[in-house]
Amino acid sequence: MKRYAIHITISAAGVLLAVGHIVLPNTRIDATTLVLIGIAILPWLGSIFKSVEFPGGLKVEYADLEKTAQRAKEAGLLATPVTKRDEPAYIAIAQVDPNLALAGLRIEIERRLQTLAQQHDIEFQRQGIGHLMRNLRRAEILSPNEESVLNDLTRLLNEAVHGAAVDQRAAQWAIEIGPELLATLDKRAGEK
């Protein structure tokens, strides 16, 4: 129920504003009313639409991260962190700056992949993360499915690094799923 509290709050505020706009004398249903009603139903449409873009550059995108998380789970890339101490540093900033949090997750993933490459004597200096993942797959350290999931995820995280609009749900996703992904990569590095 806690998950839907923000949905309910936003919807209630939007409906109240729309009703207030209608109830006032000399007011009719116009563009303002329709926009307010649209805002009221927007949180409920997150599972239907990949993204919604508003005038002024505000973009809401969450579905790609959820889909990638499901694929990561199916590929066996999500493990529970061993202790709270293992919590990545990027989590502390997630509520304040979602872009920075996702950039931090991107950095943490690349560090773990570099550790894996180093452990298996795979060259990774002056190479992009995509090349690094291909080399890890060729060495059979990553499966083709794992490489695909990590490629998709780093593509999404790179968008945040380059200033793409990131909504708070994306940051929440990074807080919930990121540590599991990093714990899996840490476990893989510890197996060598």
N, C-alpha and C. Protein backbone atom coordinates (compact mmCIF):
# COMPACT_ATOMS: atom_id res chain seq x y z
N MET A 1 0.83 -1.19 0.00
CA MET A 1 0.00 0.00 0.00
C MET A 1 0.87 1.25 0.00
N LYS A 2 2.02 1.19 0.72
CA LYS A 2 2.93 2.33 0.78
C LYS A 2 3.38 2.73 -0.63
N ARG A 3 3.53 1.75 -1.50
CA ARG A 3 3.99 1.99 -2.86
C ARG A 3 3.03 2.91 -3.61
N TYR A 4 1.74 2.80 -3.34
CA TYR A 4 0.74 3.58 -4.05
C TYR A 4 0.40 4.90 -3.35
N ALA A 5 0.99 5.21 -2.22
CA ALA A 5 0.68 6.44 -1.49
C ALA A 5 0.92 7.67 -2.34
N ILE A 6 2.04 7.72 -3.04
CA ILE A 6 2.33 8.88 -3.89
C ILE A 6 1.36 8.96 -5.05
N HIS A 7 0.98 7.81 -5.61
CA HIS A 7 -0.01 7.78 -6.69
C HIS A 7 -1.33 8.38 -6.22
N ILE A 8 -1.78 7.93 -5.05
CA ILE A 8 -3.04 8.39 -4.50
C ILE A 8 -2.98 9.88 -4.21
N THR A 9 -1.88 10.34 -3.62
CA THR A 9 -1.73 11.76 -3.29
C THR A 9 -1.77 12.62 -4.54
N ILE A 10 -1.01 12.25 -5.56
CA ILE A 10 -0.98 13.03 -6.80
C ILE A 10 -2.34 13.01 -7.48
N SER A 11 -2.97 11.85 -7.52
CA SER A 11 -4.28 11.75 -8.15
C SER A 11 -5.31 12.58 -7.41
N ALA A 12 -5.31 12.49 -6.08
CA ALA A 12 -6.27 13.25 -5.29
C ALA A 12 -6.07 14.75 -5.49
N ALA A 13 -4.82 15.19 -5.49
CA ALA A 13 -4.54 16.62 -5.70
C ALA A 13 -5.02 17.05 -7.08
N GLY A 14 -4.74 16.27 -8.09
CA GLY A 14 -5.18 16.61 -9.44
C GLY A 14 -6.69 16.66 -9.56
N VAL A 15 -7.39 15.68 -8.97
CA VAL A 15 -8.85 15.66 -9.02
C VAL A 15 -9.42 16.84 -8.25
N LEU A 16 -8.88 17.13 -7.08
CA LEU A 16 -9.37 18.28 -6.30
C LEU A 16 -9.19 19.59 -7.07
N LEU A 17 -8.05 19.75 -7.70
CA LEU A 17 -7.82 20.96 -8.48
C LEU A 17 -8.80 21.04 -9.65
N ALA A 18 -9.03 19.94 -10.30
CA ALA A 18 -9.96 19.92 -11.43
C ALA A 18 -11.38 20.22 -10.96
N VAL A 19 -11.81 19.60 -9.85
CA VAL A 19 -13.15 19.86 -9.31
C VAL A 19 -13.27 21.32 -8.89
N GLY A 20 -12.24 21.83 -8.22
CA GLY A 20 -12.25 23.24 -7.82
C GLY A 20 -12.36 24.16 -9.02
N HIS A 21 -11.69 23.80 -10.05
CA HIS A 21 -11.73 24.62 -11.28
C HIS A 21 -13.13 24.58 -11.91
N ILE A 22 -13.79 23.43 -11.83
CA ILE A 22 -15.14 23.29 -12.39
C ILE A 22 -16.19 23.97 -11.52
N VAL A 23 -16.08 23.85 -10.20
CA VAL A 23 -17.08 24.35 -9.27
C VAL A 23 -17.14 25.88 -9.24
N LEU A 24 -16.02 26.53 -9.44
CA LEU A 24 -16.01 27.98 -9.40
C LEU A 24 -16.95 28.56 -10.45
N PRO A 25 -17.67 29.61 -10.08
CA PRO A 25 -18.60 30.21 -11.06
C PRO A 25 -17.85 30.72 -12.29
N ASN A 26 -18.54 30.70 -13.38
CA ASN A 26 -18.02 31.19 -14.66
C ASN A 26 -16.83 30.37 -15.15
N THR A 27 -16.74 29.17 -14.68
CA THR A 27 -15.64 28.31 -15.11
C THR A 27 -16.24 27.14 -15.88
N ARG A 28 -15.64 26.78 -16.93
CA ARG A 28 -16.11 25.65 -17.71
C ARG A 28 -14.94 24.68 -17.92
N ILE A 29 -15.23 23.54 -18.43
CA ILE A 29 -14.17 22.57 -18.70
C ILE A 29 -13.37 23.09 -19.89
N ASP A 30 -12.10 23.32 -19.63
CA ASP A 30 -11.22 23.86 -20.67
C ASP A 30 -9.90 23.11 -20.64
N ALA A 31 -8.93 23.64 -21.31
CA ALA A 31 -7.62 22.98 -21.39
C ALA A 31 -7.00 22.81 -20.01
N THR A 32 -7.16 23.79 -19.14
CA THR A 32 -6.59 23.70 -17.79
C THR A 32 -7.19 22.51 -17.04
N THR A 33 -8.49 22.37 -17.11
CA THR A 33 -9.15 21.25 -16.43
C THR A 33 -8.65 19.92 -16.98
N LEU A 34 -8.55 19.82 -18.28
CA LEU A 34 -8.08 18.58 -18.89
C LEU A 34 -6.64 18.26 -18.49
N VAL A 35 -5.78 19.27 -18.41
CA VAL A 35 -4.39 19.06 -17.98
C VAL A 35 -4.36 18.57 -16.55
N LEU A 36 -5.17 19.18 -15.68
CA LEU A 36 -5.21 18.75 -14.27
C LEU A 36 -5.72 17.32 -14.13
N ILE A 37 -6.70 16.96 -14.91
CA ILE A 37 -7.18 15.57 -14.87
C ILE A 37 -6.10 14.63 -15.41
N GLY A 38 -5.40 15.06 -16.45
CA GLY A 38 -4.29 14.26 -16.97
C GLY A 38 -3.21 14.03 -15.93
N ILE A 39 -2.88 15.07 -15.17
CA ILE A 39 -1.89 14.94 -14.10
C ILE A 39 -2.38 13.96 -13.05
N ALA A 40 -3.69 13.98 -12.78
CA ALA A 40 -4.25 13.08 -11.77
C ALA A 40 -4.11 11.61 -12.16
N ILE A 41 -4.22 11.30 -13.45
CA ILE A 41 -4.15 9.89 -13.85
C ILE A 41 -2.75 9.45 -14.28
N LEU A 42 -1.84 10.39 -14.47
CA LEU A 42 -0.49 10.07 -14.96
C LEU A 42 0.24 9.02 -14.12
N PRO A 43 0.24 9.10 -12.78
CA PRO A 43 0.99 8.08 -12.02
C PRO A 43 0.49 6.66 -12.25
N TRP A 44 -0.76 6.51 -12.61
CA TRP A 44 -1.33 5.18 -12.80
C TRP A 44 -0.98 4.61 -14.17
N LEU A 45 -0.45 5.44 -15.05
CA LEU A 45 -0.15 4.99 -16.40
C LEU A 45 1.31 4.55 -16.57
N GLY A 46 2.09 4.56 -15.48
CA GLY A 46 3.50 4.19 -15.56
C GLY A 46 3.74 2.80 -16.10
N SER A 47 2.82 1.89 -15.86
CA SER A 47 3.02 0.53 -16.35
C SER A 47 2.60 0.38 -17.81
N ILE A 48 1.96 1.41 -18.36
CA ILE A 48 1.49 1.33 -19.74
C ILE A 48 2.44 2.03 -20.70
N PHE A 49 2.90 3.21 -20.33
CA PHE A 49 3.74 4.01 -21.21
C PHE A 49 5.20 3.88 -20.85
N LYS A 50 6.05 3.84 -21.86
CA LYS A 50 7.50 3.79 -21.65
C LYS A 50 7.98 5.13 -21.11
N SER A 51 7.48 6.22 -21.67
CA SER A 51 7.87 7.54 -21.19
C SER A 51 6.80 8.54 -21.57
N VAL A 52 6.79 9.64 -20.83
CA VAL A 52 5.90 10.76 -21.09
C VAL A 52 6.78 11.99 -21.07
N GLU A 53 6.66 12.83 -22.09
CA GLU A 53 7.48 14.03 -22.14
C GLU A 53 6.56 15.25 -22.12
N PHE A 54 6.89 16.19 -21.22
CA PHE A 54 6.11 17.40 -21.07
C PHE A 54 6.85 18.57 -21.70
N PRO A 55 6.12 19.64 -22.01
CA PRO A 55 6.80 20.84 -22.50
C PRO A 55 7.84 21.31 -21.49
N GLY A 56 8.94 21.81 -21.97
CA GLY A 56 10.02 22.24 -21.08
C GLY A 56 11.07 21.18 -20.86
N GLY A 57 10.94 20.03 -21.49
CA GLY A 57 11.98 19.01 -21.42
C GLY A 57 11.84 18.00 -20.31
N LEU A 58 10.79 18.06 -19.49
CA LEU A 58 10.60 17.08 -18.43
C LEU A 58 10.20 15.75 -19.05
N LYS A 59 10.97 14.71 -18.76
CA LYS A 59 10.70 13.40 -19.35
C LYS A 59 10.63 12.38 -18.23
N VAL A 60 9.60 11.55 -18.26
CA VAL A 60 9.41 10.51 -17.26
C VAL A 60 9.64 9.18 -17.96
N GLU A 61 10.65 8.42 -17.49
CA GLU A 61 10.95 7.13 -18.11
C GLU A 61 11.34 6.14 -17.02
N TYR A 62 10.64 5.04 -16.97
CA TYR A 62 10.85 4.07 -15.90
C TYR A 62 10.73 2.64 -16.42
N ALA A 63 9.92 2.44 -17.41
CA ALA A 63 9.62 1.08 -17.89
C ALA A 63 10.87 0.36 -18.37
N ASP A 64 11.81 1.06 -19.01
CA ASP A 64 13.03 0.41 -19.49
C ASP A 64 13.83 -0.18 -18.34
N LEU A 65 13.92 0.56 -17.25
CA LEU A 65 14.68 0.05 -16.10
C LEU A 65 13.99 -1.17 -15.50
N GLU A 66 12.68 -1.14 -15.38
CA GLU A 66 11.95 -2.28 -14.83
C GLU A 66 12.14 -3.51 -15.71
N LYS A 67 12.05 -3.34 -17.02
CA LYS A 67 12.22 -4.46 -17.94
C LYS A 67 13.64 -5.02 -17.84
N THR A 68 14.61 -4.16 -17.75
CA THR A 68 16.00 -4.60 -17.63
C THR A 68 16.23 -5.31 -16.31
N ALA A 69 15.59 -4.83 -15.24
CA ALA A 69 15.71 -5.50 -13.95
C ALA A 69 15.16 -6.93 -14.02
N GLN A 70 14.03 -7.09 -14.69
CA GLN A 70 13.45 -8.43 -14.84
C GLN A 70 14.39 -9.33 -15.63
N ARG A 71 14.98 -8.81 -16.69
CA ARG A 71 15.92 -9.60 -17.49
C ARG A 71 17.17 -9.94 -16.66
N ALA A 72 17.62 -8.99 -15.84
CA ALA A 72 18.79 -9.24 -14.99
C ALA A 72 18.49 -10.35 -13.98
N LYS A 73 17.28 -10.34 -13.45
CA LYS A 73 16.89 -11.38 -12.50
C LYS A 73 16.87 -12.74 -13.20
N GLU A 74 16.30 -12.78 -14.40
CA GLU A 74 16.25 -14.03 -15.15
C GLU A 74 17.65 -14.53 -15.54
N ALA A 75 18.58 -13.60 -15.75
CA ALA A 75 19.95 -13.98 -16.13
C ALA A 75 20.79 -14.37 -14.91
N GLY A 76 20.22 -14.23 -13.70
CA GLY A 76 20.94 -14.58 -12.49
C GLY A 76 21.93 -13.51 -12.05
N LEU A 77 21.67 -12.26 -12.43
CA LEU A 77 22.58 -11.17 -12.10
C LEU A 77 22.21 -10.42 -10.82
N LEU A 78 21.18 -10.86 -10.10
CA LEU A 78 20.76 -10.14 -8.91
C LEU A 78 20.91 -11.02 -7.66
N ALA A 79 21.81 -10.62 -6.79
CA ALA A 79 22.01 -11.31 -5.52
C ALA A 79 21.82 -10.32 -4.39
N THR A 80 21.47 -10.81 -3.22
CA THR A 80 21.29 -9.95 -2.07
C THR A 80 22.65 -9.56 -1.50
N PRO A 81 22.88 -8.24 -1.26
CA PRO A 81 24.15 -7.84 -0.64
C PRO A 81 24.32 -8.53 0.71
N VAL A 82 25.55 -8.85 1.05
CA VAL A 82 25.84 -9.60 2.27
C VAL A 82 25.53 -8.77 3.51
N THR A 83 25.97 -7.53 3.56
CA THR A 83 25.74 -6.68 4.72
C THR A 83 25.38 -5.27 4.27
N LYS A 84 24.89 -4.49 5.22
CA LYS A 84 24.58 -3.09 4.94
C LYS A 84 25.85 -2.34 4.58
N ARG A 85 26.98 -2.77 5.09
CA ARG A 85 28.26 -2.14 4.80
C ARG A 85 28.58 -2.21 3.32
N ASP A 86 28.05 -3.21 2.64
CA ASP A 86 28.31 -3.39 1.22
C ASP A 86 27.49 -2.44 0.35
N GLU A 87 26.66 -1.60 0.99
CA GLU A 87 25.80 -0.70 0.24
C GLU A 87 26.65 0.32 -0.52
N PRO A 88 26.43 0.45 -1.82
CA PRO A 88 27.22 1.38 -2.64
C PRO A 88 27.00 2.84 -2.24
N ALA A 89 28.01 3.66 -2.46
CA ALA A 89 27.97 5.07 -2.06
C ALA A 89 26.92 5.86 -2.83
N TYR A 90 26.62 5.47 -4.06
CA TYR A 90 25.68 6.24 -4.86
C TYR A 90 24.28 6.30 -4.25
N ILE A 91 23.94 5.38 -3.37
CA ILE A 91 22.61 5.32 -2.78
C ILE A 91 22.33 6.56 -1.93
N ALA A 92 23.34 7.09 -1.27
CA ALA A 92 23.14 8.25 -0.41
C ALA A 92 22.66 9.47 -1.17
N ILE A 93 22.99 9.60 -2.43
CA ILE A 93 22.64 10.78 -3.22
C ILE A 93 21.36 10.59 -4.03
N ALA A 94 20.81 9.40 -4.07
CA ALA A 94 19.70 9.08 -4.97
C ALA A 94 18.48 9.98 -4.78
N GLN A 95 18.15 10.33 -3.55
CA GLN A 95 16.97 11.16 -3.32
C GLN A 95 17.20 12.61 -3.75
N VAL A 96 18.45 13.05 -3.69
CA VAL A 96 18.78 14.44 -4.01
C VAL A 96 19.00 14.63 -5.51
N ASP A 97 19.73 13.71 -6.13
CA ASP A 97 20.07 13.86 -7.55
C ASP A 97 20.00 12.49 -8.23
N PRO A 98 18.85 12.16 -8.83
CA PRO A 98 18.70 10.85 -9.47
C PRO A 98 19.72 10.60 -10.57
N ASN A 99 20.07 11.63 -11.35
CA ASN A 99 21.06 11.45 -12.42
C ASN A 99 22.40 11.03 -11.83
N LEU A 100 22.80 11.68 -10.78
CA LEU A 100 24.07 11.36 -10.14
C LEU A 100 24.05 9.96 -9.55
N ALA A 101 22.92 9.55 -9.00
CA ALA A 101 22.80 8.20 -8.45
C ALA A 101 22.96 7.15 -9.55
N LEU A 102 22.30 7.36 -10.68
CA LEU A 102 22.41 6.40 -11.78
C LEU A 102 23.81 6.43 -12.38
N ALA A 103 24.44 7.61 -12.42
CA ALA A 103 25.83 7.70 -12.89
C ALA A 103 26.73 6.91 -11.93
N GLY A 104 26.46 7.02 -10.64
CA GLY A 104 27.24 6.27 -9.65
C GLY A 104 27.09 4.77 -9.82
N LEU A 105 25.87 4.32 -10.10
CA LEU A 105 25.65 2.89 -10.36
C LEU A 105 26.44 2.46 -11.59
N ARG A 106 26.43 3.28 -12.61
CA ARG A 106 27.18 2.98 -13.85
C ARG A 106 28.67 2.80 -13.55
N ILE A 107 29.21 3.69 -12.74
CA ILE A 107 30.63 3.62 -12.36
C ILE A 107 30.91 2.34 -11.57
N GLU A 108 30.02 2.02 -10.63
CA GLU A 108 30.21 0.82 -9.80
C GLU A 108 30.18 -0.45 -10.65
N ILE A 109 29.29 -0.50 -11.63
CA ILE A 109 29.23 -1.67 -12.53
C ILE A 109 30.54 -1.80 -13.29
N GLU A 110 31.01 -0.69 -13.85
CA GLU A 110 32.25 -0.74 -14.63
C GLU A 110 33.43 -1.17 -13.76
N ARG A 111 33.49 -0.69 -12.53
CA ARG A 111 34.58 -1.11 -11.62
C ARG A 111 34.57 -2.62 -11.40
N ARG A 112 33.38 -3.17 -11.18
CA ARG A 112 33.30 -4.61 -10.95
C ARG A 112 33.71 -5.39 -12.20
N LEU A 113 33.29 -4.91 -13.36
CA LEU A 113 33.68 -5.58 -14.61
C LEU A 113 35.19 -5.48 -14.83
N GLN A 114 35.79 -4.36 -14.48
CA GLN A 114 37.25 -4.22 -14.60
C GLN A 114 37.96 -5.18 -13.65
N THR A 115 37.41 -5.36 -12.45
CA THR A 115 37.99 -6.31 -11.50
C THR A 115 37.95 -7.72 -12.08
N LEU A 116 36.81 -8.08 -12.67
CA LEU A 116 36.70 -9.41 -13.30
C LEU A 116 37.71 -9.55 -14.43
N ALA A 117 37.84 -8.53 -15.25
CA ALA A 117 38.80 -8.57 -16.36
C ALA A 117 40.22 -8.73 -15.83
N GLN A 118 40.56 -7.97 -14.82
CA GLN A 118 41.90 -8.03 -14.25
C GLN A 118 42.19 -9.42 -13.68
N GLN A 119 41.22 -10.01 -13.01
CA GLN A 119 41.40 -11.34 -12.42
C GLN A 119 41.64 -12.41 -13.49
N HIS A 120 41.11 -12.17 -14.68
CA HIS A 120 41.23 -13.17 -15.74
C HIS A 120 42.22 -12.73 -16.83
N ASP A 121 43.07 -11.77 -16.47
CA ASP A 121 44.12 -11.28 -17.39
C ASP A 121 43.56 -10.82 -18.73
N ILE A 122 42.45 -10.09 -18.67
CA ILE A 122 41.83 -9.53 -19.87
C ILE A 122 42.16 -8.04 -19.90
N GLU A 123 42.66 -7.58 -21.03
CA GLU A 123 43.02 -6.17 -21.20
C GLU A 123 41.76 -5.31 -21.12
N PHE A 124 41.81 -4.24 -20.31
CA PHE A 124 40.65 -3.36 -20.22
C PHE A 124 41.04 -1.88 -20.20
N GLN A 125 42.30 -1.57 -20.17
CA GLN A 125 42.72 -0.17 -20.15
C GLN A 125 42.37 0.50 -21.47
N ARG A 126 41.90 1.74 -21.39
CA ARG A 126 41.57 2.57 -22.55
C ARG A 126 40.53 1.92 -23.47
N GLN A 127 39.66 1.13 -22.89
CA GLN A 127 38.58 0.51 -23.66
C GLN A 127 37.25 0.91 -23.02
N GLY A 128 36.25 1.04 -23.82
CA GLY A 128 34.92 1.34 -23.29
C GLY A 128 34.31 0.14 -22.60
N ILE A 129 33.25 0.39 -21.88
CA ILE A 129 32.60 -0.69 -21.13
C ILE A 129 32.00 -1.74 -22.07
N GLY A 130 31.53 -1.33 -23.23
CA GLY A 130 30.98 -2.29 -24.20
C GLY A 130 32.04 -3.28 -24.65
N HIS A 131 33.23 -2.77 -24.96
CA HIS A 131 34.33 -3.63 -25.37
C HIS A 131 34.74 -4.56 -24.22
N LEU A 132 34.75 -4.02 -23.02
CA LEU A 132 35.09 -4.81 -21.84
C LEU A 132 34.10 -5.96 -21.66
N MET A 133 32.81 -5.68 -21.82
CA MET A 133 31.81 -6.74 -21.68
C MET A 133 31.95 -7.79 -22.78
N ARG A 134 32.24 -7.37 -24.00
CA ARG A 134 32.45 -8.34 -25.09
C ARG A 134 33.62 -9.27 -24.77
N ASN A 135 34.71 -8.69 -24.26
CA ASN A 135 35.88 -9.51 -23.91
C ASN A 135 35.56 -10.47 -22.77
N LEU A 136 34.77 -10.04 -21.79
CA LEU A 136 34.38 -10.92 -20.69
C LEU A 136 33.49 -12.06 -21.20
N ARG A 137 32.63 -11.76 -22.17
CA ARG A 137 31.80 -12.81 -22.76
C ARG A 137 32.66 -13.79 -23.55
N ARG A 138 33.59 -13.27 -24.34
CA ARG A 138 34.46 -14.15 -25.14
C ARG A 138 35.26 -15.09 -24.25
N ALA A 139 35.62 -14.59 -23.07
CA ALA A 139 36.36 -15.43 -22.12
C ALA A 139 35.42 -16.31 -21.29
N GLU A 140 34.12 -16.25 -21.58
CA GLU A 140 33.08 -17.02 -20.91
C GLU A 140 32.96 -16.70 -19.43
N ILE A 141 33.27 -15.46 -19.08
CA ILE A 141 33.07 -14.99 -17.71
C ILE A 141 31.66 -14.44 -17.59
N LEU A 142 31.17 -13.84 -18.66
CA LEU A 142 29.77 -13.43 -18.76
C LEU A 142 29.11 -14.30 -19.82
N SER A 143 27.86 -14.68 -19.57
CA SER A 143 27.11 -15.40 -20.59
C SER A 143 26.61 -14.38 -21.62
N PRO A 144 26.22 -14.83 -22.80
CA PRO A 144 25.65 -13.90 -23.78
C PRO A 144 24.43 -13.15 -23.24
N ASN A 145 23.61 -13.83 -22.46
CA ASN A 145 22.43 -13.19 -21.86
C ASN A 145 22.85 -12.11 -20.85
N GLU A 146 23.83 -12.42 -20.02
CA GLU A 146 24.32 -11.44 -19.04
C GLU A 146 24.91 -10.22 -19.75
N GLU A 147 25.69 -10.47 -20.80
CA GLU A 147 26.26 -9.35 -21.55
C GLU A 147 25.16 -8.47 -22.14
N SER A 148 24.13 -9.09 -22.68
CA SER A 148 23.02 -8.35 -23.27
C SER A 148 22.32 -7.47 -22.23
N VAL A 149 22.03 -8.05 -21.07
CA VAL A 149 21.37 -7.30 -20.00
C VAL A 149 22.25 -6.13 -19.55
N LEU A 150 23.53 -6.41 -19.33
CA LEU A 150 24.44 -5.35 -18.88
C LEU A 150 24.61 -4.26 -19.95
N ASN A 151 24.62 -4.64 -21.22
CA ASN A 151 24.68 -3.64 -22.29
C ASN A 151 23.45 -2.74 -22.27
N ASP A 152 22.28 -3.34 -22.14
CA ASP A 152 21.04 -2.55 -22.09
C ASP A 152 21.04 -1.63 -20.87
N LEU A 153 21.45 -2.17 -19.74
CA LEU A 153 21.46 -1.38 -18.52
C LEU A 153 22.45 -0.22 -18.61
N THR A 154 23.65 -0.48 -19.07
CA THR A 154 24.64 0.61 -19.15
C THR A 154 24.23 1.66 -20.18
N ARG A 155 23.52 1.25 -21.22
CA ARG A 155 23.00 2.23 -22.19
C ARG A 155 22.03 3.18 -21.49
N LEU A 156 21.12 2.63 -20.68
CA LEU A 156 20.18 3.47 -19.94
C LEU A 156 20.88 4.35 -18.92
N LEU A 157 21.86 3.79 -18.23
CA LEU A 157 22.60 4.57 -17.24
C LEU A 157 23.43 5.65 -17.90
N ASN A 158 23.97 5.37 -19.09
CA ASN A 158 24.73 6.39 -19.82
C ASN A 158 23.86 7.59 -20.17
N GLU A 159 22.58 7.35 -20.45
CA GLU A 159 21.68 8.46 -20.73
C GLU A 159 21.59 9.38 -19.53
N ALA A 160 21.54 8.81 -18.33
CA ALA A 160 21.51 9.63 -17.11
C ALA A 160 22.81 10.39 -16.94
N VAL A 161 23.93 9.73 -17.23
CA VAL A 161 25.24 10.37 -17.13
C VAL A 161 25.31 11.60 -18.04
N HIS A 162 24.67 11.51 -19.20
CA HIS A 162 24.72 12.59 -20.17
C HIS A 162 23.59 13.59 -20.00
N GLY A 163 22.94 13.57 -18.84
CA GLY A 163 21.97 14.61 -18.50
C GLY A 163 20.54 14.36 -18.90
N ALA A 164 20.20 13.15 -19.34
CA ALA A 164 18.79 12.87 -19.66
C ALA A 164 17.95 13.03 -18.40
N ALA A 165 16.73 13.47 -18.58
CA ALA A 165 15.84 13.64 -17.44
C ALA A 165 15.58 12.29 -16.79
N VAL A 166 15.69 12.24 -15.47
CA VAL A 166 15.51 11.00 -14.71
C VAL A 166 14.46 11.27 -13.64
N ASP A 167 13.44 10.44 -13.60
CA ASP A 167 12.44 10.63 -12.57
C ASP A 167 12.86 9.93 -11.27
N GLN A 168 12.17 10.24 -10.20
CA GLN A 168 12.52 9.71 -8.89
C GLN A 168 12.36 8.20 -8.83
N ARG A 169 11.43 7.64 -9.61
CA ARG A 169 11.26 6.18 -9.60
C ARG A 169 12.49 5.48 -10.16
N ALA A 170 13.17 6.11 -11.11
CA ALA A 170 14.39 5.52 -11.64
C ALA A 170 15.47 5.48 -10.56
N ALA A 171 15.56 6.54 -9.78
CA ALA A 171 16.52 6.54 -8.67
C ALA A 171 16.16 5.48 -7.65
N GLN A 172 14.87 5.33 -7.37
CA GLN A 172 14.42 4.30 -6.44
C GLN A 172 14.77 2.92 -6.97
N TRP A 173 14.64 2.74 -8.28
CA TRP A 173 15.03 1.47 -8.91
C TRP A 173 16.51 1.20 -8.65
N ALA A 174 17.35 2.22 -8.82
CA ALA A 174 18.78 2.06 -8.60
C ALA A 174 19.07 1.66 -7.16
N ILE A 175 18.30 2.20 -6.23
CA ILE A 175 18.49 1.87 -4.81
C ILE A 175 18.09 0.42 -4.54
N GLU A 176 17.03 -0.03 -5.17
CA GLU A 176 16.52 -1.37 -4.89
C GLU A 176 17.25 -2.46 -5.66
N ILE A 177 17.52 -2.25 -6.95
CA ILE A 177 18.08 -3.29 -7.80
C ILE A 177 19.60 -3.21 -7.90
N GLY A 178 20.15 -2.01 -7.90
CA GLY A 178 21.59 -1.82 -8.06
C GLY A 178 22.44 -2.64 -7.10
N PRO A 179 22.17 -2.60 -5.79
CA PRO A 179 23.00 -3.38 -4.86
C PRO A 179 22.97 -4.88 -5.13
N GLU A 180 21.84 -5.39 -5.60
CA GLU A 180 21.75 -6.82 -5.91
C GLU A 180 22.64 -7.16 -7.12
N LEU A 181 22.60 -6.30 -8.12
CA LEU A 181 23.44 -6.51 -9.30
C LEU A 181 24.92 -6.44 -8.92
N LEU A 182 25.29 -5.43 -8.13
CA LEU A 182 26.68 -5.28 -7.72
C LEU A 182 27.14 -6.45 -6.84
N ALA A 183 26.24 -6.93 -5.98
CA ALA A 183 26.58 -8.08 -5.13
C ALA A 183 26.84 -9.32 -5.97
N THR A 184 26.09 -9.49 -7.05
CA THR A 184 26.31 -10.62 -7.95
C THR A 184 27.68 -10.52 -8.61
N LEU A 185 28.02 -9.32 -9.10
CA LEU A 185 29.33 -9.13 -9.73
C LEU A 185 30.46 -9.33 -8.71
N ASP A 186 30.26 -8.86 -7.46
CA ASP A 186 31.26 -9.06 -6.41
C ASP A 186 31.43 -10.55 -6.12
N LYS A 187 30.32 -11.26 -6.07
CA LYS A 187 30.38 -12.71 -5.82
C LYS A 187 31.15 -13.41 -6.94
N ARG A 188 30.85 -13.00 -8.17
CA ARG A 188 31.55 -13.59 -9.31
C ARG A 188 33.06 -13.32 -9.21
N ALA A 189 33.43 -12.11 -8.79
CA ALA A 189 34.85 -11.78 -8.65
C ALA A 189 35.48 -12.59 -7.51
N GLY A 190 34.70 -12.87 -6.48
CA GLY A 190 35.21 -13.63 -5.34
C GLY A 190 35.36 -15.12 -5.62
N GLU A 191 34.74 -15.59 -6.68
CA GLU A 191 34.81 -17.01 -7.03
C GLU A 191 36.12 -17.40 -7.68
N LYS A 192 36.87 -16.43 -8.18
CA LYS A 192 38.13 -16.76 -8.87
C LYS A 192 39.15 -17.25 -7.89
